[in-house]
Amino acid sequence: MNSLPPSPLPKEGGAQAHPAGSSYALPPAPSPREGVTSHPAPSGSGEGGEGRVLTAAGSGRPGGGADSRVIPIAVAGAKPPAPPPSPTAAMVRTLGLVSSICGLIIVGAYQGTYDAVAANKRIATERAVFKVIPTAKTIAEYLALPGGGIEPRVGAGDTPIAPGAVKFFAAYDAGGKLAGIAAEGGAKGYADTVRIMFGYSPDCQCVIGIGVVAMRETPGIGDKILTDKNFLANFNDLDVKLKGDLAALANEVKAVKHGTKINPWQIDAIAGATITSRAVGKAINDSAQALLPRLVPKLDQLAKKS
């Protein structure tokens, strides 16, 4: 039996054998992408390596034809694109706008309520003056100047007080005669500053009454300075006489432990409210020390209401 001849072996490199005399051409090697031409990448397209770009021929145009679009190929080692900037400027503008609006609201509220607040303070002060000098019918506001003189306060309640000056009120009875002097004082209490108004009588050179302008003392304890009859009795004739040269008080006004008062310039403190009682004594002493040496030599100027 005849056997078929063996099939020819393929040549090395993958080429197929063909019968002698026949011609056969290998197909051209395909390009990376049909219709795309590879070119060297332009200089500066990346760092740390070279790249290439592809030029698309006839793509994106009807009927083909050359196209100038260049498609970059990723370059090895190239830096990633920078992230978009944060909206800091927009945030700052927004915060500035909100702050401006809030500021305008605060200023508007202050300006809108200023007159009412000032009027309430003036009324509260006048009530305190009439309380500590019960015979008073009218009052006038004055300043005791650092140089020793006294003068009416022009624009009382609205104008600032000169540095070193002490404000006081001259109170007059129905006949226009001086009934007494009222002055404010303040000292640190248990919770906050205790501000008081005290009345001074030139006849006895003594304090004849007190009233509280502002305080935040413990309810039921510190606020007894308003209601405790024995404590208030200290101010029926509390001694605030000056020395012979009229330069200072003859004796320091101060609160002493309850039940130990022996001198007319001492204040019998409230049991359980010693700190607040001492604050009242210090407020009177400090204010009287600053005011009376300037005021007493000029009392004749205030004898009659002008």
C-alpha atoms as a PDB file:
ATOM      1  CA  MET A   1       0.000   0.000   0.000  1.00  0.00           C
ATOM      2  CA  ASN A   2       1.341   3.391  -0.933  1.00  0.00           C
ATOM      3  CA  SER A   3       1.741   5.849   1.979  1.00  0.00           C
ATOM      4  CA  LEU A   4       1.365   9.582   1.767  1.00  0.00           C
ATOM      5  CA  PRO A   5       4.572  11.558   1.827  1.00  0.00           C
ATOM      6  CA  PRO A   6       5.265  13.226   5.145  1.00  0.00           C
ATOM      7  CA  SER A   7       4.144  16.805   5.554  1.00  0.00           C
ATOM      8  CA  PRO A   8       6.970  19.256   5.325  1.00  0.00           C
ATOM      9  CA  LEU A   9       8.078  20.641   8.653  1.00  0.00           C
ATOM     10  CA  PRO A  10       7.727  24.389   9.239  1.00  0.00           C
ATOM     11  CA  LYS A  11      10.888  26.366   8.997  1.00  0.00           C
ATOM     12  CA  GLU A  12      12.362  27.991  12.101  1.00  0.00           C
ATOM     13  CA  GLY A  13      10.780  31.281  12.897  1.00  0.00           C
ATOM     14  CA  GLY A  14       7.227  30.170  12.100  1.00  0.00           C
ATOM     15  CA  ALA A  15       7.513  30.338   8.264  1.00  0.00           C
ATOM     16  CA  GLN A  16       5.459  27.734   6.370  1.00  0.00           C
ATOM     17  CA  ALA A  17       7.050  25.666   3.657  1.00  0.00           C
ATOM     18  CA  HIS A  18       5.612  25.862   0.202  1.00  0.00           C
ATOM     19  CA  PRO A  19       6.199  23.789  -2.923  1.00  0.00           C
ATOM     20  CA  ALA A  20       9.156  24.729  -5.011  1.00  0.00           C
ATOM     21  CA  GLY A  21       8.510  27.280  -7.606  1.00  0.00           C
ATOM     22  CA  SER A  22       5.560  28.846  -5.797  1.00  0.00           C
ATOM     23  CA  SER A  23       5.764  32.396  -4.496  1.00  0.00           C
ATOM     24  CA  TYR A  24       4.272  33.593  -1.205  1.00  0.00           C
ATOM     25  CA  ALA A  25       4.685  36.985   0.540  1.00  0.00           C
ATOM     26  CA  LEU A  26       4.328  37.453   4.267  1.00  0.00           C
ATOM     27  CA  PRO A  27       1.668  39.944   5.251  1.00  0.00           C
ATOM     28  CA  PRO A  28       2.995  43.232   6.582  1.00  0.00           C
ATOM     29  CA  ALA A  29       3.281  43.556  10.364  1.00  0.00           C
ATOM     30  CA  PRO A  30       0.235  45.288  11.794  1.00  0.00           C
ATOM     31  CA  SER A  31       0.698  48.753  13.233  1.00  0.00           C
ATOM     32  CA  PRO A  32      -0.062  49.353  16.956  1.00  0.00           C
ATOM     33  CA  ARG A  33      -3.500  50.608  15.954  1.00  0.00           C
ATOM     34  CA  GLU A  34      -4.965  50.803  12.517  1.00  0.00           C
ATOM     35  CA  GLY A  35      -4.811  54.304  11.214  1.00  0.00           C
ATOM     36  CA  VAL A  36      -2.610  55.481  14.108  1.00  0.00           C
ATOM     37  CA  THR A  37       0.990  56.546  13.642  1.00  0.00           C
ATOM     38  CA  SER A  38       3.501  56.576  16.486  1.00  0.00           C
ATOM     39  CA  HIS A  39       5.840  59.503  16.934  1.00  0.00           C
ATOM     40  CA  PRO A  40       8.430  60.398  19.534  1.00  0.00           C
ATOM     41  CA  ALA A  41       6.987  62.378  22.398  1.00  0.00           C
ATOM     42  CA  PRO A  42       7.882  66.042  22.467  1.00  0.00           C
ATOM     43  CA  SER A  43      10.607  67.064  24.839  1.00  0.00           C
ATOM     44  CA  GLY A  44       9.496  68.005  28.338  1.00  0.00           C
ATOM     45  CA  SER A  45       6.495  65.659  28.242  1.00  0.00           C
ATOM     46  CA  GLY A  46       7.588  63.746  31.276  1.00  0.00           C
ATOM     47  CA  GLU A  47      10.305  63.236  33.844  1.00  0.00           C
ATOM     48  CA  GLY A  48      12.478  60.207  34.289  1.00  0.00           C
ATOM     49  CA  GLY A  49      11.650  58.509  30.949  1.00  0.00           C
ATOM     50  CA  GLU A  50      10.756  58.859  27.331  1.00  0.00           C
ATOM     51  CA  GLY A  51       7.311  58.541  25.827  1.00  0.00           C
ATOM     52  CA  ARG A  52       5.580  58.544  22.542  1.00  0.00           C
ATOM     53  CA  VAL A  53       2.442  60.103  21.164  1.00  0.00           C
ATOM     54  CA  LEU A  54      -0.039  58.687  18.700  1.00  0.00           C
ATOM     55  CA  THR A  55      -1.355  60.678  15.780  1.00  0.00           C
ATOM     56  CA  ALA A  56      -4.766  59.516  14.625  1.00  0.00           C
ATOM     57  CA  ALA A  57      -5.120  59.500  10.891  1.00  0.00           C
ATOM     58  CA  GLY A  58      -8.586  60.095   9.597  1.00  0.00           C
ATOM     59  CA  SER A  59     -10.250  59.599  12.936  1.00  0.00           C
ATOM     60  CA  GLY A  60     -13.008  61.954  13.944  1.00  0.00           C
ATOM     61  CA  ARG A  61     -13.538  63.223  10.416  1.00  0.00           C
ATOM     62  CA  PRO A  62     -16.100  61.970   7.941  1.00  0.00           C
ATOM     63  CA  GLY A  63     -14.401  60.337   4.963  1.00  0.00           C
ATOM     64  CA  GLY A  64     -11.090  60.012   6.700  1.00  0.00           C
ATOM     65  CA  GLY A  65      -8.150  62.271   6.207  1.00  0.00           C
ATOM     66  CA  ALA A  66      -5.362  63.489   8.334  1.00  0.00           C
ATOM     67  CA  ASP A  67      -6.201  64.658  11.828  1.00  0.00           C
ATOM     68  CA  SER A  68      -3.929  66.929  13.836  1.00  0.00           C
ATOM     69  CA  ARG A  69      -5.074  65.597  17.205  1.00  0.00           C
ATOM     70  CA  VAL A  70      -2.243  64.232  19.306  1.00  0.00           C
ATOM     71  CA  ILE A  71      -3.043  61.638  21.957  1.00  0.00           C
ATOM     72  CA  PRO A  72      -0.378  61.571  24.695  1.00  0.00           C
ATOM     73  CA  ILE A  73       0.736  58.189  25.997  1.00  0.00           C
ATOM     74  CA  ALA A  74       1.330  57.908  29.748  1.00  0.00           C
ATOM     75  CA  VAL A  75       4.966  58.559  30.534  1.00  0.00           C
ATOM     76  CA  ALA A  76       6.703  56.401  33.081  1.00  0.00           C
ATOM     77  CA  GLY A  77       7.670  58.411  36.178  1.00  0.00           C
ATOM     78  CA  ALA A  78       5.508  61.429  35.324  1.00  0.00           C
ATOM     79  CA  LYS A  79       4.038  63.408  38.271  1.00  0.00           C
ATOM     80  CA  PRO A  80       0.282  63.101  38.861  1.00  0.00           C
ATOM     81  CA  PRO A  81      -1.804  66.227  38.217  1.00  0.00           C
ATOM     82  CA  ALA A  82      -2.009  68.707  41.107  1.00  0.00           C
ATOM     83  CA  PRO A  83      -5.262  68.624  43.131  1.00  0.00           C
ATOM     84  CA  PRO A  84      -7.644  71.560  42.646  1.00  0.00           C
ATOM     85  CA  PRO A  85      -7.080  74.459  45.052  1.00  0.00           C
ATOM     86  CA  SER A  86      -9.237  74.554  48.204  1.00  0.00           C
ATOM     87  CA  PRO A  87     -11.924  77.281  48.323  1.00  0.00           C
ATOM     88  CA  THR A  88     -10.104  79.260  51.058  1.00  0.00           C
ATOM     89  CA  ALA A  89     -10.809  82.644  49.535  1.00  0.00           C
ATOM     90  CA  ALA A  90     -14.533  81.896  49.315  1.00  0.00           C
ATOM     91  CA  MET A  91     -14.600  80.749  52.949  1.00  0.00           C
ATOM     92  CA  VAL A  92     -12.800  83.912  54.096  1.00  0.00           C
ATOM     93  CA  ARG A  93     -15.246  86.109  52.172  1.00  0.00           C
ATOM     94  CA  THR A  94     -18.212  84.267  53.677  1.00  0.00           C
ATOM     95  CA  LEU A  95     -16.875  84.554  57.228  1.00  0.00           C
ATOM     96  CA  GLY A  96     -16.130  88.240  56.703  1.00  0.00           C
ATOM     97  CA  LEU A  97     -19.657  88.869  55.488  1.00  0.00           C
ATOM     98  CA  VAL A  98     -21.223  87.012  58.430  1.00  0.00           C
ATOM     99  CA  SER A  99     -18.984  88.860  60.910  1.00  0.00           C
ATOM    100  CA  SER A 100     -19.903  92.222  59.407  1.00  0.00           C
ATOM    101  CA  ILE A 101     -23.624  91.481  59.621  1.00  0.00           C
ATOM    102  CA  CYS A 102     -23.321  90.342  63.260  1.00  0.00           C
ATOM    103  CA  GLY A 103     -21.320  93.464  64.117  1.00  0.00           C
ATOM    104  CA  LEU A 104     -23.944  95.713  62.595  1.00  0.00           C
ATOM    105  CA  ILE A 105     -26.687  93.947  64.562  1.00  0.00           C
ATOM    106  CA  ILE A 106     -24.784  94.352  67.853  1.00  0.00           C
ATOM    107  CA  VAL A 107     -23.992  98.022  67.234  1.00  0.00           C
ATOM    108  CA  GLY A 108     -27.560  98.709  66.184  1.00  0.00           C
ATOM    109  CA  ALA A 109     -28.949  97.043  69.310  1.00  0.00           C
ATOM    110  CA  TYR A 110     -26.551  99.020  71.522  1.00  0.00           C
ATOM    111  CA  GLN A 111     -27.369 102.321  69.882  1.00  0.00           C
ATOM    112  CA  GLY A 112     -31.082 101.580  69.930  1.00  0.00           C
ATOM    113  CA  THR A 113     -31.156 100.812  73.666  1.00  0.00           C
ATOM    114  CA  TYR A 114     -28.502 103.268  74.893  1.00  0.00           C
ATOM    115  CA  ASP A 115     -30.891 106.100  75.714  1.00  0.00           C
ATOM    116  CA  ALA A 116     -33.294 103.794  77.564  1.00  0.00           C
ATOM    117  CA  VAL A 117     -30.480 102.223  79.593  1.00  0.00           C
ATOM    118  CA  ALA A 118     -29.021 105.629  80.484  1.00  0.00           C
ATOM    119  CA  ALA A 119     -32.451 106.878  81.551  1.00  0.00           C
ATOM    120  CA  ASN A 120     -32.994 103.843  83.788  1.00  0.00           C
ATOM    121  CA  LYS A 121     -29.577 104.341  85.423  1.00  0.00           C
ATOM    122  CA  ARG A 122     -30.344 107.994  86.063  1.00  0.00           C
ATOM    123  CA  ILE A 123     -33.687 107.155  87.650  1.00  0.00           C
ATOM    124  CA  ALA A 124     -32.127 104.461  89.859  1.00  0.00           C
ATOM    125  CA  THR A 125     -29.404 106.896  90.985  1.00  0.00           C
ATOM    126  CA  GLU A 126     -31.891 109.634  91.830  1.00  0.00           C
ATOM    127  CA  ARG A 127     -34.008 107.208  93.848  1.00  0.00           C
ATOM    128  CA  ALA A 128     -30.928 106.137  95.806  1.00  0.00           C
ATOM    129  CA  VAL A 129     -30.079 109.778  96.591  1.00  0.00           C
ATOM    130  CA  PHE A 130     -33.566 110.532  97.876  1.00  0.00           C
ATOM    131  CA  LYS A 131     -33.443 107.358  99.974  1.00  0.00           C
ATOM    132  CA  VAL A 132     -30.213 108.208 101.807  1.00  0.00           C
ATOM    133  CA  ILE A 133     -31.255 111.863 102.286  1.00  0.00           C
ATOM    134  CA  PRO A 134     -34.983 111.658 103.086  1.00  0.00           C
ATOM    135  CA  THR A 135     -35.482 115.435 103.445  1.00  0.00           C
ATOM    136  CA  ALA A 136     -34.209 116.164  99.938  1.00  0.00           C
ATOM    137  CA  LYS A 137     -36.579 117.564  97.326  1.00  0.00           C
ATOM    138  CA  THR A 138     -34.138 118.396  94.521  1.00  0.00           C
ATOM    139  CA  ILE A 139     -30.622 117.305  93.658  1.00  0.00           C
ATOM    140  CA  ALA A 140     -27.707 118.648  91.592  1.00  0.00           C
ATOM    141  CA  GLU A 141     -24.702 116.710  90.333  1.00  0.00           C
ATOM    142  CA  TYR A 142     -21.172 117.997  91.019  1.00  0.00           C
ATOM    143  CA  LEU A 143     -17.544 116.975  90.635  1.00  0.00           C
ATOM    144  CA  ALA A 144     -14.831 117.297  93.269  1.00  0.00           C
ATOM    145  CA  LEU A 145     -11.696 118.026  91.268  1.00  0.00           C
ATOM    146  CA  PRO A 146      -8.216 116.666  92.026  1.00  0.00           C
ATOM    147  CA  GLY A 147      -6.937 120.180  92.720  1.00  0.00           C
ATOM    148  CA  GLY A 148      -9.450 120.666  95.513  1.00  0.00           C
ATOM    149  CA  GLY A 149     -12.200 122.661  93.823  1.00  0.00           C
ATOM    150  CA  ILE A 150     -15.769 121.661  93.038  1.00  0.00           C
ATOM    151  CA  GLU A 151     -17.866 122.380  89.954  1.00  0.00           C
ATOM    152  CA  PRO A 152     -21.276 121.443  88.540  1.00  0.00           C
ATOM    153  CA  ARG A 153     -21.152 118.536  86.150  1.00  0.00           C
ATOM    154  CA  VAL A 154     -22.246 119.866  82.762  1.00  0.00           C
ATOM    155  CA  GLY A 155     -24.240 117.326  80.776  1.00  0.00           C
ATOM    156  CA  ALA A 156     -24.582 115.082  83.794  1.00  0.00           C
ATOM    157  CA  GLY A 157     -24.883 111.429  82.913  1.00  0.00           C
ATOM    158  CA  ASP A 158     -23.614 111.901  79.340  1.00  0.00           C
ATOM    159  CA  THR A 159     -20.148 113.425  79.659  1.00  0.00           C
ATOM    160  CA  PRO A 160     -17.136 111.442  80.894  1.00  0.00           C
ATOM    161  CA  ILE A 161     -15.666 112.245  84.292  1.00  0.00           C
ATOM    162  CA  ALA A 162     -12.183 113.774  84.306  1.00  0.00           C
ATOM    163  CA  PRO A 163      -9.447 111.473  85.664  1.00  0.00           C
ATOM    164  CA  GLY A 164      -9.170 111.802  89.440  1.00  0.00           C
ATOM    165  CA  ALA A 165     -12.476 113.646  89.848  1.00  0.00           C
ATOM    166  CA  VAL A 166     -15.103 112.339  92.281  1.00  0.00           C
ATOM    167  CA  LYS A 167     -18.810 112.579  91.483  1.00  0.00           C
ATOM    168  CA  PHE A 168     -21.284 113.558  94.189  1.00  0.00           C
ATOM    169  CA  PHE A 169     -24.820 114.937  94.549  1.00  0.00           C
ATOM    170  CA  ALA A 170     -25.878 118.000  96.486  1.00  0.00           C
ATOM    171  CA  ALA A 171     -29.385 117.491  97.873  1.00  0.00           C
ATOM    172  CA  TYR A 172     -31.642 120.439  98.796  1.00  0.00           C
ATOM    173  CA  ASP A 173     -34.787 120.661 100.865  1.00  0.00           C
ATOM    174  CA  ALA A 174     -37.999 122.442  99.921  1.00  0.00           C
ATOM    175  CA  GLY A 175     -36.542 125.836 100.943  1.00  0.00           C
ATOM    176  CA  GLY A 176     -33.427 125.403  98.761  1.00  0.00           C
ATOM    177  CA  LYS A 177     -31.122 124.760 101.724  1.00  0.00           C
ATOM    178  CA  LEU A 178     -28.458 122.087 101.567  1.00  0.00           C
ATOM    179  CA  ALA A 179     -29.858 118.947 103.196  1.00  0.00           C
ATOM    180  CA  GLY A 180     -26.883 116.695 102.603  1.00  0.00           C
ATOM    181  CA  ILE A 181     -24.383 115.183 100.210  1.00  0.00           C
ATOM    182  CA  ALA A 182     -24.750 111.812  98.507  1.00  0.00           C
ATOM    183  CA  ALA A 183     -21.855 109.853  96.987  1.00  0.00           C
ATOM    184  CA  GLU A 184     -21.238 106.405  95.555  1.00  0.00           C
ATOM    185  CA  GLY A 185     -18.673 103.848  96.645  1.00  0.00           C
ATOM    186  CA  GLY A 186     -17.783 100.277  95.791  1.00  0.00           C
ATOM    187  CA  ALA A 187     -15.714  97.385  97.125  1.00  0.00           C
ATOM    188  CA  LYS A 188     -15.302  93.660  96.470  1.00  0.00           C
ATOM    189  CA  GLY A 189     -17.866  91.548  98.257  1.00  0.00           C
ATOM    190  CA  TYR A 190     -18.347  87.771  98.458  1.00  0.00           C
ATOM    191  CA  ALA A 191     -19.577  87.276  94.874  1.00  0.00           C
ATOM    192  CA  ASP A 192     -18.905  90.578  93.133  1.00  0.00           C
ATOM    193  CA  THR A 193     -18.413  94.304  93.696  1.00  0.00           C
ATOM    194  CA  VAL A 194     -20.923  95.833  96.079  1.00  0.00           C
ATOM    195  CA  ARG A 195     -21.810  99.359  94.988  1.00  0.00           C
ATOM    196  CA  ILE A 196     -23.551 101.580  97.514  1.00  0.00           C
ATOM    197  CA  MET A 197     -24.820 105.154  97.854  1.00  0.00           C
ATOM    198  CA  PHE A 198     -24.329 106.873 101.209  1.00  0.00           C
ATOM    199  CA  GLY A 199     -25.654 110.158 102.566  1.00  0.00           C
ATOM    200  CA  TYR A 200     -23.381 112.646 104.362  1.00  0.00           C
ATOM    201  CA  SER A 201     -24.596 115.358 106.719  1.00  0.00           C
ATOM    202  CA  PRO A 202     -22.308 118.407 107.060  1.00  0.00           C
ATOM    203  CA  ASP A 203     -23.916 119.256 110.407  1.00  0.00           C
ATOM    204  CA  CYS A 204     -22.741 116.116 112.210  1.00  0.00           C
ATOM    205  CA  GLN A 205     -19.983 115.167 109.762  1.00  0.00           C
ATOM    206  CA  CYS A 206     -21.414 111.691 109.655  1.00  0.00           C
ATOM    207  CA  VAL A 207     -23.058 109.181 107.351  1.00  0.00           C
ATOM    208  CA  ILE A 208     -26.844 109.270 107.779  1.00  0.00           C
ATOM    209  CA  GLY A 209     -27.983 106.460 105.499  1.00  0.00           C
ATOM    210  CA  ILE A 210     -26.986 103.967 102.810  1.00  0.00           C
ATOM    211  CA  GLY A 211     -28.609 102.357  99.784  1.00  0.00           C
ATOM    212  CA  VAL A 212     -27.416  99.637  97.448  1.00  0.00           C
ATOM    213  CA  VAL A 213     -26.860 100.585  93.804  1.00  0.00           C
ATOM    214  CA  ALA A 214     -25.750  97.138  92.573  1.00  0.00           C
ATOM    215  CA  MET A 215     -24.652  93.810  94.063  1.00  0.00           C
ATOM    216  CA  ARG A 216     -24.736  90.035  93.459  1.00  0.00           C
ATOM    217  CA  GLU A 217     -24.376  88.740  96.970  1.00  0.00           C
ATOM    218  CA  THR A 218     -25.893  85.451  98.127  1.00  0.00           C
ATOM    219  CA  PRO A 219     -29.681  85.779  98.508  1.00  0.00           C
ATOM    220  CA  GLY A 220     -30.763  85.395 102.117  1.00  0.00           C
ATOM    221  CA  ILE A 221     -27.246  86.071 103.441  1.00  0.00           C
ATOM    222  CA  GLY A 222     -25.364  88.898 101.759  1.00  0.00           C
ATOM    223  CA  ASP A 223     -28.492  90.799 100.844  1.00  0.00           C
ATOM    224  CA  LYS A 224     -29.301  91.222 104.531  1.00  0.00           C
ATOM    225  CA  ILE A 225     -27.460  94.540 104.302  1.00  0.00           C
ATOM    226  CA  LEU A 226     -30.723  95.816 102.806  1.00  0.00           C
ATOM    227  CA  THR A 227     -33.061  94.459 105.475  1.00  0.00           C
ATOM    228  CA  ASP A 228     -31.177  93.854 108.730  1.00  0.00           C
ATOM    229  CA  LYS A 229     -32.331  96.623 111.075  1.00  0.00           C
ATOM    230  CA  ASN A 230     -29.365  96.337 113.422  1.00  0.00           C
ATOM    231  CA  PHE A 231     -26.948  96.635 110.519  1.00  0.00           C
ATOM    232  CA  LEU A 232     -28.770  99.636 109.032  1.00  0.00           C
ATOM    233  CA  ALA A 233     -28.670 101.324 112.444  1.00  0.00           C
ATOM    234  CA  ASN A 234     -24.885 101.670 111.993  1.00  0.00           C
ATOM    235  CA  PHE A 235     -25.568 104.412 109.462  1.00  0.00           C
ATOM    236  CA  ASN A 236     -27.775 106.679 111.511  1.00  0.00           C
ATOM    237  CA  ASP A 237     -24.694 108.672 112.563  1.00  0.00           C
ATOM    238  CA  LEU A 238     -21.528 106.858 111.375  1.00  0.00           C
ATOM    239  CA  ASP A 239     -18.548 109.091 112.203  1.00  0.00           C
ATOM    240  CA  VAL A 240     -16.561 110.311 109.161  1.00  0.00           C
ATOM    241  CA  LYS A 241     -14.934 113.434 110.669  1.00  0.00           C
ATOM    242  CA  LEU A 242     -11.745 114.770 109.124  1.00  0.00           C
ATOM    243  CA  LYS A 243      -8.455 115.435 110.844  1.00  0.00           C
ATOM    244  CA  GLY A 244      -7.660 118.961 111.985  1.00  0.00           C
ATOM    245  CA  ASP A 245      -5.837 119.751 108.722  1.00  0.00           C
ATOM    246  CA  LEU A 246      -8.802 118.409 106.689  1.00  0.00           C
ATOM    247  CA  ALA A 247      -6.410 116.216 104.712  1.00  0.00           C
ATOM    248  CA  ALA A 248      -7.988 112.828 105.533  1.00  0.00           C
ATOM    249  CA  LEU A 249     -10.491 111.036 107.753  1.00  0.00           C
ATOM    250  CA  ALA A 250      -9.638 111.096 111.421  1.00  0.00           C
ATOM    251  CA  ASN A 251     -10.486 107.382 111.694  1.00  0.00           C
ATOM    252  CA  GLU A 252     -10.816 104.562 109.195  1.00  0.00           C
ATOM    253  CA  VAL A 253     -14.354 103.355 108.631  1.00  0.00           C
ATOM    254  CA  LYS A 254     -14.450  99.554 108.819  1.00  0.00           C
ATOM    255  CA  ALA A 255     -16.692  96.669 109.783  1.00  0.00           C
ATOM    256  CA  VAL A 256     -15.902  94.684 112.913  1.00  0.00           C
ATOM    257  CA  LYS A 257     -17.086  91.291 114.099  1.00  0.00           C
ATOM    258  CA  HIS A 258     -20.709  91.231 115.132  1.00  0.00           C
ATOM    259  CA  GLY A 259     -21.145  92.404 118.722  1.00  0.00           C
ATOM    260  CA  THR A 260     -17.673  93.983 119.096  1.00  0.00           C
ATOM    261  CA  LYS A 261     -18.366  97.568 117.963  1.00  0.00           C
ATOM    262  CA  ILE A 262     -17.104 100.142 120.483  1.00  0.00           C
ATOM    263  CA  ASN A 263     -16.408 103.265 118.360  1.00  0.00           C
ATOM    264  CA  PRO A 264     -18.752 105.473 116.297  1.00  0.00           C
ATOM    265  CA  TRP A 265     -16.694 104.979 113.123  1.00  0.00           C
ATOM    266  CA  GLN A 266     -17.016 101.188 113.289  1.00  0.00           C
ATOM    267  CA  ILE A 267     -19.698  99.072 111.610  1.00  0.00           C
ATOM    268  CA  ASP A 268     -21.208  96.129 113.472  1.00  0.00           C
ATOM    269  CA  ALA A 269     -21.104  93.347 110.853  1.00  0.00           C
ATOM    270  CA  ILE A 270     -23.935  90.922 110.165  1.00  0.00           C
ATOM    271  CA  ALA A 271     -23.284  87.443 111.562  1.00  0.00           C
ATOM    272  CA  GLY A 272     -22.833  85.093 108.600  1.00  0.00           C
ATOM    273  CA  ALA A 273     -22.361  87.962 106.135  1.00  0.00           C
ATOM    274  CA  THR A 274     -19.085  89.382 107.377  1.00  0.00           C
ATOM    275  CA  ILE A 275     -17.512  89.702 103.907  1.00  0.00           C
ATOM    276  CA  THR A 276     -20.414  91.739 102.531  1.00  0.00           C
ATOM    277  CA  SER A 277     -20.459  93.891 105.681  1.00  0.00           C
ATOM    278  CA  ARG A 278     -16.757  94.605 105.264  1.00  0.00           C
ATOM    279  CA  ALA A 279     -17.322  95.524 101.622  1.00  0.00           C
ATOM    280  CA  VAL A 280     -19.852  98.178 102.697  1.00  0.00           C
ATOM    281  CA  GLY A 281     -17.399  99.596 105.241  1.00  0.00           C
ATOM    282  CA  LYS A 282     -14.543  99.732 102.743  1.00  0.00           C
ATOM    283  CA  ALA A 283     -16.746 101.334 100.078  1.00  0.00           C
ATOM    284  CA  ILE A 284     -17.725 104.151 102.461  1.00  0.00           C
ATOM    285  CA  ASN A 285     -14.176 104.617 103.745  1.00  0.00           C
ATOM    286  CA  ASP A 286     -12.525 104.779 100.314  1.00  0.00           C
ATOM    287  CA  SER A 287     -15.122 107.131  98.855  1.00  0.00           C
ATOM    288  CA  ALA A 288     -15.123 109.432 101.906  1.00  0.00           C
ATOM    289  CA  GLN A 289     -11.320 109.548 101.959  1.00  0.00           C
ATOM    290  CA  ALA A 290     -11.299 110.708  98.327  1.00  0.00           C
ATOM    291  CA  LEU A 291     -14.257 113.121  98.511  1.00  0.00           C
ATOM    292  CA  LEU A 292     -14.494 114.825 101.893  1.00  0.00           C
ATOM    293  CA  PRO A 293     -11.035 116.487 102.025  1.00  0.00           C
ATOM    294  CA  ARG A 294     -11.948 118.270  98.764  1.00  0.00           C
ATOM    295  CA  LEU A 295     -15.584 118.908  99.623  1.00  0.00           C
ATOM    296  CA  VAL A 296     -15.644 120.121 103.228  1.00  0.00           C
ATOM    297  CA  PRO A 297     -13.568 123.297 102.626  1.00  0.00           C
ATOM    298  CA  LYS A 298     -15.985 124.239  99.801  1.00  0.00           C
ATOM    299  CA  LEU A 299     -19.299 123.515 101.536  1.00  0.00           C
ATOM    300  CA  ASP A 300     -20.180 127.207 101.692  1.00  0.00           C
ATOM    301  CA  GLN A 301     -20.464 127.168  97.879  1.00  0.00           C
ATOM    302  CA  LEU A 302     -23.241 124.578  98.163  1.00  0.00           C
ATOM    303  CA  ALA A 303     -25.160 126.088 101.090  1.00  0.00           C
ATOM    304  CA  LYS A 304     -27.900 127.411  98.826  1.00  0.00           C
ATOM    305  CA  LYS A 305     -29.236 126.000  95.625  1.00  0.00           C
ATOM    306  CA  SER A 306     -27.982 128.068  92.719  1.00  0.00           C
END
